[in-house]
Amino acid sequence: MVLVFPEVFGVNSWVRSVVDRLADHGFAALAMPLFARTAPELDLGYTKADFLRAENINNLLRLSRFLLMLLQLLLGRSSKKQSRITVIGFCFGGHVALITSTLPEVTSTFDFMAQARVLVGQVGILQA
């Protein structure tokens, strides 16, 4: 299973194209709507106005709670053979990928352009 974590612009056409290309190469891939609870239909472009809207929505996200629920859901629905998870993250999604890389269920991580603020001793600590 490959999880694709998008930028702050949501699961837009570019993110969907990444998932489609992974699927074309035989990978089970899923674009994760990181903002599903705060902006379920988020699909923004790359204009300044879109960026400002995305930034406001991003401030509402409870990332640690979301990640724990996501992994519990995925692992609860998959067999032991499918419990290996690869994550790919872009920009803000790269930060999410960096955090998930510390979880034992995540076997591979590809992090592109993360702007993560890492505090010593707190990387990978997820609190619900």
N, C-alpha and C. Protein backbone atom coordinates (compact mmCIF):
# COMPACT_ATOMS: atom_id res chain seq x y z
N MET A 1 0.85 -1.17 0.00
CA MET A 1 0.00 0.00 0.00
C MET A 1 0.89 1.23 0.00
N VAL A 2 0.62 2.14 -0.90
CA VAL A 2 1.34 3.42 -0.96
C VAL A 2 0.35 4.53 -0.64
N LEU A 3 0.69 5.32 0.38
CA LEU A 3 -0.12 6.47 0.74
C LEU A 3 0.59 7.72 0.24
N VAL A 4 -0.15 8.56 -0.45
CA VAL A 4 0.41 9.81 -0.97
C VAL A 4 -0.18 10.96 -0.16
N PHE A 5 0.69 11.69 0.52
CA PHE A 5 0.27 12.84 1.32
C PHE A 5 0.50 14.10 0.49
N PRO A 6 -0.56 14.85 0.22
CA PRO A 6 -0.46 16.01 -0.66
C PRO A 6 0.09 17.26 0.01
N GLU A 7 0.30 18.24 -0.81
CA GLU A 7 0.64 19.57 -0.33
C GLU A 7 -0.58 20.16 0.37
N VAL A 8 -0.49 21.41 0.80
CA VAL A 8 -1.61 22.06 1.48
C VAL A 8 -2.78 22.34 0.53
N PHE A 9 -2.62 22.06 -0.74
CA PHE A 9 -3.67 22.35 -1.72
C PHE A 9 -4.68 21.21 -1.86
N GLY A 10 -4.54 20.18 -1.06
CA GLY A 10 -5.50 19.09 -1.07
C GLY A 10 -5.23 18.07 -2.16
N VAL A 11 -6.19 17.19 -2.33
CA VAL A 11 -6.08 16.15 -3.36
C VAL A 11 -6.54 16.77 -4.67
N ASN A 12 -5.63 17.51 -5.27
CA ASN A 12 -5.96 18.20 -6.52
C ASN A 12 -5.56 17.34 -7.72
N SER A 13 -5.69 17.88 -8.90
CA SER A 13 -5.44 17.09 -10.11
C SER A 13 -4.00 16.59 -10.18
N TRP A 14 -3.05 17.37 -9.69
CA TRP A 14 -1.65 16.92 -9.74
C TRP A 14 -1.43 15.72 -8.81
N VAL A 15 -1.97 15.78 -7.61
CA VAL A 15 -1.83 14.67 -6.67
C VAL A 15 -2.51 13.43 -7.22
N ARG A 16 -3.69 13.61 -7.81
CA ARG A 16 -4.37 12.45 -8.41
C ARG A 16 -3.53 11.86 -9.54
N SER A 17 -2.81 12.70 -10.28
CA SER A 17 -1.96 12.17 -11.36
C SER A 17 -0.80 11.36 -10.81
N VAL A 18 -0.29 11.74 -9.65
CA VAL A 18 0.78 10.95 -9.01
C VAL A 18 0.26 9.57 -8.65
N VAL A 19 -0.93 9.52 -8.05
CA VAL A 19 -1.53 8.25 -7.67
C VAL A 19 -1.82 7.40 -8.92
N ASP A 20 -2.32 8.03 -9.96
CA ASP A 20 -2.59 7.30 -11.20
C ASP A 20 -1.32 6.70 -11.78
N ARG A 21 -0.23 7.46 -11.75
CA ARG A 21 1.04 6.94 -12.29
C ARG A 21 1.57 5.79 -11.45
N LEU A 22 1.42 5.85 -10.14
CA LEU A 22 1.82 4.74 -9.29
C LEU A 22 0.98 3.50 -9.61
N ALA A 23 -0.33 3.71 -9.77
CA ALA A 23 -1.22 2.59 -10.11
C ALA A 23 -0.86 1.99 -11.46
N ASP A 24 -0.50 2.85 -12.41
CA ASP A 24 -0.09 2.36 -13.73
C ASP A 24 1.12 1.44 -13.65
N HIS A 25 1.92 1.62 -12.61
CA HIS A 25 3.11 0.78 -12.42
C HIS A 25 2.85 -0.37 -11.46
N GLY A 26 1.58 -0.62 -11.13
CA GLY A 26 1.21 -1.79 -10.35
C GLY A 26 1.13 -1.61 -8.85
N PHE A 27 1.23 -0.39 -8.37
CA PHE A 27 1.16 -0.15 -6.93
C PHE A 27 -0.27 0.18 -6.52
N ALA A 28 -0.68 -0.36 -5.38
CA ALA A 28 -1.96 0.04 -4.78
C ALA A 28 -1.68 1.38 -4.10
N ALA A 29 -2.22 2.45 -4.63
CA ALA A 29 -1.90 3.78 -4.13
C ALA A 29 -3.17 4.54 -3.77
N LEU A 30 -3.06 5.37 -2.76
CA LEU A 30 -4.20 6.13 -2.27
C LEU A 30 -3.74 7.53 -1.90
N ALA A 31 -4.39 8.54 -2.45
CA ALA A 31 -4.12 9.93 -2.07
C ALA A 31 -4.90 10.22 -0.80
N MET A 32 -4.21 10.66 0.22
CA MET A 32 -4.83 10.87 1.52
C MET A 32 -5.32 12.31 1.66
N PRO A 33 -6.61 12.49 1.86
CA PRO A 33 -7.14 13.84 2.05
C PRO A 33 -6.87 14.32 3.48
N LEU A 34 -5.71 14.90 3.69
CA LEU A 34 -5.29 15.30 5.02
C LEU A 34 -6.25 16.29 5.68
N PHE A 35 -7.00 16.99 4.88
CA PHE A 35 -7.90 18.01 5.42
C PHE A 35 -9.36 17.57 5.35
N ALA A 36 -9.61 16.26 5.36
CA ALA A 36 -10.97 15.73 5.18
C ALA A 36 -11.95 16.22 6.23
N ARG A 37 -11.48 16.46 7.43
CA ARG A 37 -12.41 16.91 8.48
C ARG A 37 -12.65 18.40 8.46
N THR A 38 -11.68 19.17 8.02
CA THR A 38 -11.83 20.62 8.04
C THR A 38 -12.25 21.19 6.69
N ALA A 39 -11.91 20.49 5.60
CA ALA A 39 -12.26 20.94 4.24
C ALA A 39 -12.38 19.71 3.34
N PRO A 40 -13.48 18.97 3.45
CA PRO A 40 -13.60 17.67 2.76
C PRO A 40 -13.46 17.71 1.24
N GLU A 41 -13.79 18.80 0.62
CA GLU A 41 -13.71 18.88 -0.85
C GLU A 41 -12.50 19.70 -1.32
N LEU A 42 -11.48 19.83 -0.48
CA LEU A 42 -10.35 20.68 -0.81
C LEU A 42 -9.64 20.22 -2.08
N ASP A 43 -9.62 21.09 -3.06
CA ASP A 43 -8.98 20.83 -4.35
C ASP A 43 -8.58 22.19 -4.90
N LEU A 44 -7.43 22.68 -4.47
CA LEU A 44 -6.99 24.02 -4.83
C LEU A 44 -5.91 24.00 -5.89
N GLY A 45 -5.77 25.11 -6.55
CA GLY A 45 -4.68 25.29 -7.50
C GLY A 45 -3.47 25.89 -6.80
N TYR A 46 -2.69 26.65 -7.53
CA TYR A 46 -1.43 27.15 -6.99
C TYR A 46 -1.35 28.67 -7.02
N THR A 47 -2.50 29.34 -6.93
CA THR A 47 -2.50 30.80 -6.91
C THR A 47 -2.23 31.29 -5.49
N LYS A 48 -1.94 32.58 -5.37
CA LYS A 48 -1.71 33.16 -4.04
C LYS A 48 -2.97 33.05 -3.18
N ALA A 49 -4.14 33.28 -3.76
CA ALA A 49 -5.39 33.16 -3.02
C ALA A 49 -5.61 31.72 -2.54
N ASP A 50 -5.28 30.74 -3.39
CA ASP A 50 -5.40 29.33 -3.00
C ASP A 50 -4.45 29.02 -1.84
N PHE A 51 -3.24 29.54 -1.92
CA PHE A 51 -2.26 29.30 -0.86
C PHE A 51 -2.75 29.87 0.47
N LEU A 52 -3.30 31.07 0.46
CA LEU A 52 -3.80 31.68 1.69
C LEU A 52 -4.96 30.87 2.27
N ARG A 53 -5.84 30.40 1.41
CA ARG A 53 -6.96 29.56 1.88
C ARG A 53 -6.43 28.26 2.48
N ALA A 54 -5.48 27.65 1.81
CA ALA A 54 -4.89 26.40 2.29
C ALA A 54 -4.20 26.61 3.64
N GLU A 55 -3.52 27.72 3.79
CA GLU A 55 -2.82 28.00 5.04
C GLU A 55 -3.81 28.11 6.20
N ASN A 56 -4.94 28.76 5.97
CA ASN A 56 -5.97 28.86 7.01
C ASN A 56 -6.54 27.50 7.38
N ILE A 57 -6.78 26.68 6.39
CA ILE A 57 -7.31 25.33 6.65
C ILE A 57 -6.27 24.49 7.37
N ASN A 58 -5.02 24.63 6.98
CA ASN A 58 -3.93 23.89 7.59
C ASN A 58 -3.86 24.15 9.09
N ASN A 59 -4.14 25.35 9.51
CA ASN A 59 -4.08 25.70 10.92
C ASN A 59 -5.12 24.95 11.75
N LEU A 60 -6.17 24.44 11.12
CA LEU A 60 -7.23 23.72 11.82
C LEU A 60 -6.94 22.23 11.99
N LEU A 61 -5.94 21.73 11.31
CA LEU A 61 -5.68 20.29 11.27
C LEU A 61 -5.07 19.79 12.58
N ARG A 62 -5.62 18.73 13.10
CA ARG A 62 -5.04 18.04 14.25
C ARG A 62 -4.30 16.83 13.70
N LEU A 63 -3.09 17.05 13.23
CA LEU A 63 -2.34 16.06 12.47
C LEU A 63 -2.11 14.77 13.24
N SER A 64 -1.68 14.85 14.47
CA SER A 64 -1.36 13.63 15.20
C SER A 64 -2.56 12.73 15.36
N ARG A 65 -3.73 13.30 15.66
CA ARG A 65 -4.95 12.51 15.82
C ARG A 65 -5.34 11.86 14.48
N PHE A 66 -5.22 12.63 13.41
CA PHE A 66 -5.55 12.11 12.08
C PHE A 66 -4.67 10.92 11.72
N LEU A 67 -3.37 11.04 11.95
CA LEU A 67 -2.45 9.97 11.58
C LEU A 67 -2.72 8.69 12.36
N LEU A 68 -2.98 8.81 13.64
CA LEU A 68 -3.28 7.63 14.42
C LEU A 68 -4.55 6.94 13.93
N MET A 69 -5.59 7.70 13.66
CA MET A 69 -6.83 7.12 13.15
C MET A 69 -6.61 6.47 11.79
N LEU A 70 -5.84 7.13 10.93
CA LEU A 70 -5.56 6.60 9.60
C LEU A 70 -4.86 5.25 9.68
N LEU A 71 -3.81 5.16 10.45
CA LEU A 71 -3.06 3.91 10.53
C LEU A 71 -3.89 2.81 11.17
N GLN A 72 -4.68 3.13 12.17
CA GLN A 72 -5.55 2.13 12.77
C GLN A 72 -6.55 1.60 11.75
N LEU A 73 -7.12 2.49 10.97
CA LEU A 73 -8.08 2.09 9.96
C LEU A 73 -7.43 1.20 8.91
N LEU A 74 -6.30 1.63 8.38
CA LEU A 74 -5.64 0.86 7.32
C LEU A 74 -5.18 -0.50 7.81
N LEU A 75 -4.59 -0.55 8.96
CA LEU A 75 -4.08 -1.82 9.46
C LEU A 75 -5.21 -2.73 9.90
N GLY A 76 -6.30 -2.16 10.34
CA GLY A 76 -7.46 -2.96 10.72
C GLY A 76 -8.16 -3.59 9.54
N ARG A 77 -8.03 -2.98 8.36
CA ARG A 77 -8.71 -3.48 7.16
C ARG A 77 -7.82 -4.35 6.28
N SER A 78 -6.53 -4.38 6.54
CA SER A 78 -5.64 -5.12 5.65
C SER A 78 -5.18 -6.42 6.30
N SER A 79 -4.79 -7.35 5.47
CA SER A 79 -4.26 -8.61 5.98
C SER A 79 -2.81 -8.39 6.38
N LYS A 80 -2.23 -9.38 7.04
CA LYS A 80 -0.84 -9.24 7.47
C LYS A 80 0.09 -9.08 6.28
N LYS A 81 -0.24 -9.72 5.17
CA LYS A 81 0.60 -9.59 3.97
C LYS A 81 0.60 -8.17 3.43
N GLN A 82 -0.47 -7.43 3.65
CA GLN A 82 -0.59 -6.08 3.11
C GLN A 82 -0.30 -5.00 4.14
N SER A 83 0.19 -5.37 5.32
CA SER A 83 0.35 -4.39 6.37
C SER A 83 1.59 -3.51 6.18
N ARG A 84 2.36 -3.73 5.15
CA ARG A 84 3.51 -2.87 4.86
C ARG A 84 3.00 -1.61 4.16
N ILE A 85 3.41 -0.48 4.68
CA ILE A 85 2.93 0.79 4.15
C ILE A 85 4.11 1.64 3.71
N THR A 86 4.01 2.17 2.50
CA THR A 86 4.97 3.14 1.99
C THR A 86 4.26 4.48 1.95
N VAL A 87 4.96 5.53 2.38
CA VAL A 87 4.36 6.86 2.32
C VAL A 87 5.22 7.77 1.44
N ILE A 88 4.52 8.60 0.68
CA ILE A 88 5.16 9.61 -0.15
C ILE A 88 4.50 10.94 0.20
N GLY A 89 5.30 11.93 0.49
CA GLY A 89 4.74 13.22 0.85
C GLY A 89 5.38 14.36 0.09
N PHE A 90 4.56 15.33 -0.26
CA PHE A 90 5.02 16.51 -1.00
C PHE A 90 4.77 17.75 -0.15
N CYS A 91 5.80 18.56 0.04
CA CYS A 91 5.73 19.83 0.78
C CYS A 91 5.13 19.57 2.16
N PHE A 92 3.95 20.10 2.47
CA PHE A 92 3.34 19.82 3.78
C PHE A 92 3.17 18.32 3.98
N GLY A 93 2.77 17.62 2.93
CA GLY A 93 2.65 16.16 3.01
C GLY A 93 3.98 15.49 3.30
N GLY A 94 5.09 16.15 2.92
CA GLY A 94 6.42 15.64 3.25
C GLY A 94 6.66 15.68 4.75
N HIS A 95 6.13 16.70 5.39
CA HIS A 95 6.21 16.78 6.86
C HIS A 95 5.43 15.61 7.47
N VAL A 96 4.26 15.33 6.94
CA VAL A 96 3.45 14.21 7.41
C VAL A 96 4.22 12.90 7.19
N ALA A 97 4.84 12.76 6.02
CA ALA A 97 5.61 11.55 5.73
C ALA A 97 6.76 11.40 6.71
N LEU A 98 7.42 12.50 7.04
CA LEU A 98 8.52 12.46 7.99
C LEU A 98 8.05 11.95 9.34
N ILE A 99 6.91 12.42 9.80
CA ILE A 99 6.37 11.96 11.08
C ILE A 99 6.00 10.48 11.01
N THR A 100 5.32 10.07 9.93
CA THR A 100 4.89 8.66 9.85
C THR A 100 6.05 7.71 9.67
N SER A 101 7.20 8.21 9.22
CA SER A 101 8.35 7.32 9.02
C SER A 101 8.85 6.70 10.32
N THR A 102 8.46 7.26 11.45
CA THR A 102 8.88 6.72 12.74
C THR A 102 7.98 5.59 13.23
N LEU A 103 6.88 5.35 12.53
CA LEU A 103 5.94 4.31 12.96
C LEU A 103 6.36 2.96 12.41
N PRO A 104 6.25 1.89 13.20
CA PRO A 104 6.73 0.58 12.75
C PRO A 104 6.00 0.03 11.53
N GLU A 105 4.76 0.44 11.30
CA GLU A 105 3.99 -0.06 10.16
C GLU A 105 4.48 0.54 8.84
N VAL A 106 5.17 1.63 8.89
CA VAL A 106 5.66 2.31 7.69
C VAL A 106 7.05 1.76 7.36
N THR A 107 7.13 1.12 6.20
CA THR A 107 8.39 0.46 5.83
C THR A 107 9.26 1.31 4.92
N SER A 108 8.67 2.25 4.19
CA SER A 108 9.43 3.11 3.29
C SER A 108 8.81 4.50 3.30
N THR A 109 9.67 5.51 3.23
CA THR A 109 9.19 6.89 3.22
C THR A 109 9.93 7.68 2.17
N PHE A 110 9.19 8.45 1.39
CA PHE A 110 9.76 9.36 0.40
C PHE A 110 9.22 10.74 0.70
N ASP A 111 10.10 11.63 1.07
CA ASP A 111 9.73 12.94 1.57
C ASP A 111 10.29 13.99 0.62
N PHE A 112 9.40 14.73 -0.03
CA PHE A 112 9.83 15.74 -1.00
C PHE A 112 9.50 17.14 -0.49
N MET A 113 10.52 17.95 -0.29
CA MET A 113 10.40 19.36 0.06
C MET A 113 9.69 19.60 1.38
N ALA A 114 9.97 18.80 2.38
CA ALA A 114 9.33 19.02 3.68
C ALA A 114 9.91 20.26 4.33
N GLN A 115 9.03 21.03 4.90
CA GLN A 115 9.45 22.18 5.68
C GLN A 115 9.11 21.90 7.13
N ALA A 116 9.74 20.88 7.66
CA ALA A 116 9.40 20.41 9.00
C ALA A 116 10.18 21.17 10.06
N ARG A 117 9.51 21.46 11.14
CA ARG A 117 10.16 21.99 12.32
C ARG A 117 10.28 20.83 13.29
N VAL A 118 11.47 20.30 13.44
CA VAL A 118 11.70 19.12 14.26
C VAL A 118 12.27 19.56 15.60
N LEU A 119 11.64 19.12 16.66
CA LEU A 119 12.14 19.39 18.01
C LEU A 119 12.83 18.15 18.53
N VAL A 120 14.01 18.31 19.04
CA VAL A 120 14.77 17.17 19.55
C VAL A 120 13.95 16.46 20.61
N GLY A 121 13.87 15.15 20.47
CA GLY A 121 13.13 14.34 21.45
C GLY A 121 11.64 14.26 21.18
N GLN A 122 11.15 14.91 20.13
CA GLN A 122 9.71 14.87 19.89
C GLN A 122 9.34 14.31 18.53
N VAL A 123 10.29 13.99 17.70
CA VAL A 123 9.97 13.43 16.39
C VAL A 123 9.31 12.07 16.60
N GLY A 124 8.19 11.86 15.96
CA GLY A 124 7.51 10.57 16.00
C GLY A 124 6.60 10.37 17.18
N ILE A 125 6.54 11.31 18.09
CA ILE A 125 5.63 11.19 19.22
C ILE A 125 4.26 11.68 18.78
N LEU A 126 3.33 10.76 18.69
CA LEU A 126 1.97 11.11 18.25
C LEU A 126 1.05 10.98 19.44
N GLN A 127 0.27 12.00 19.66
CA GLN A 127 -0.69 11.97 20.75
C GLN A 127 -2.09 12.12 20.19
N ALA A 128 -2.99 11.26 20.64
CA ALA A 128 -4.38 11.33 20.18
C ALA A 128 -5.12 12.43 20.89
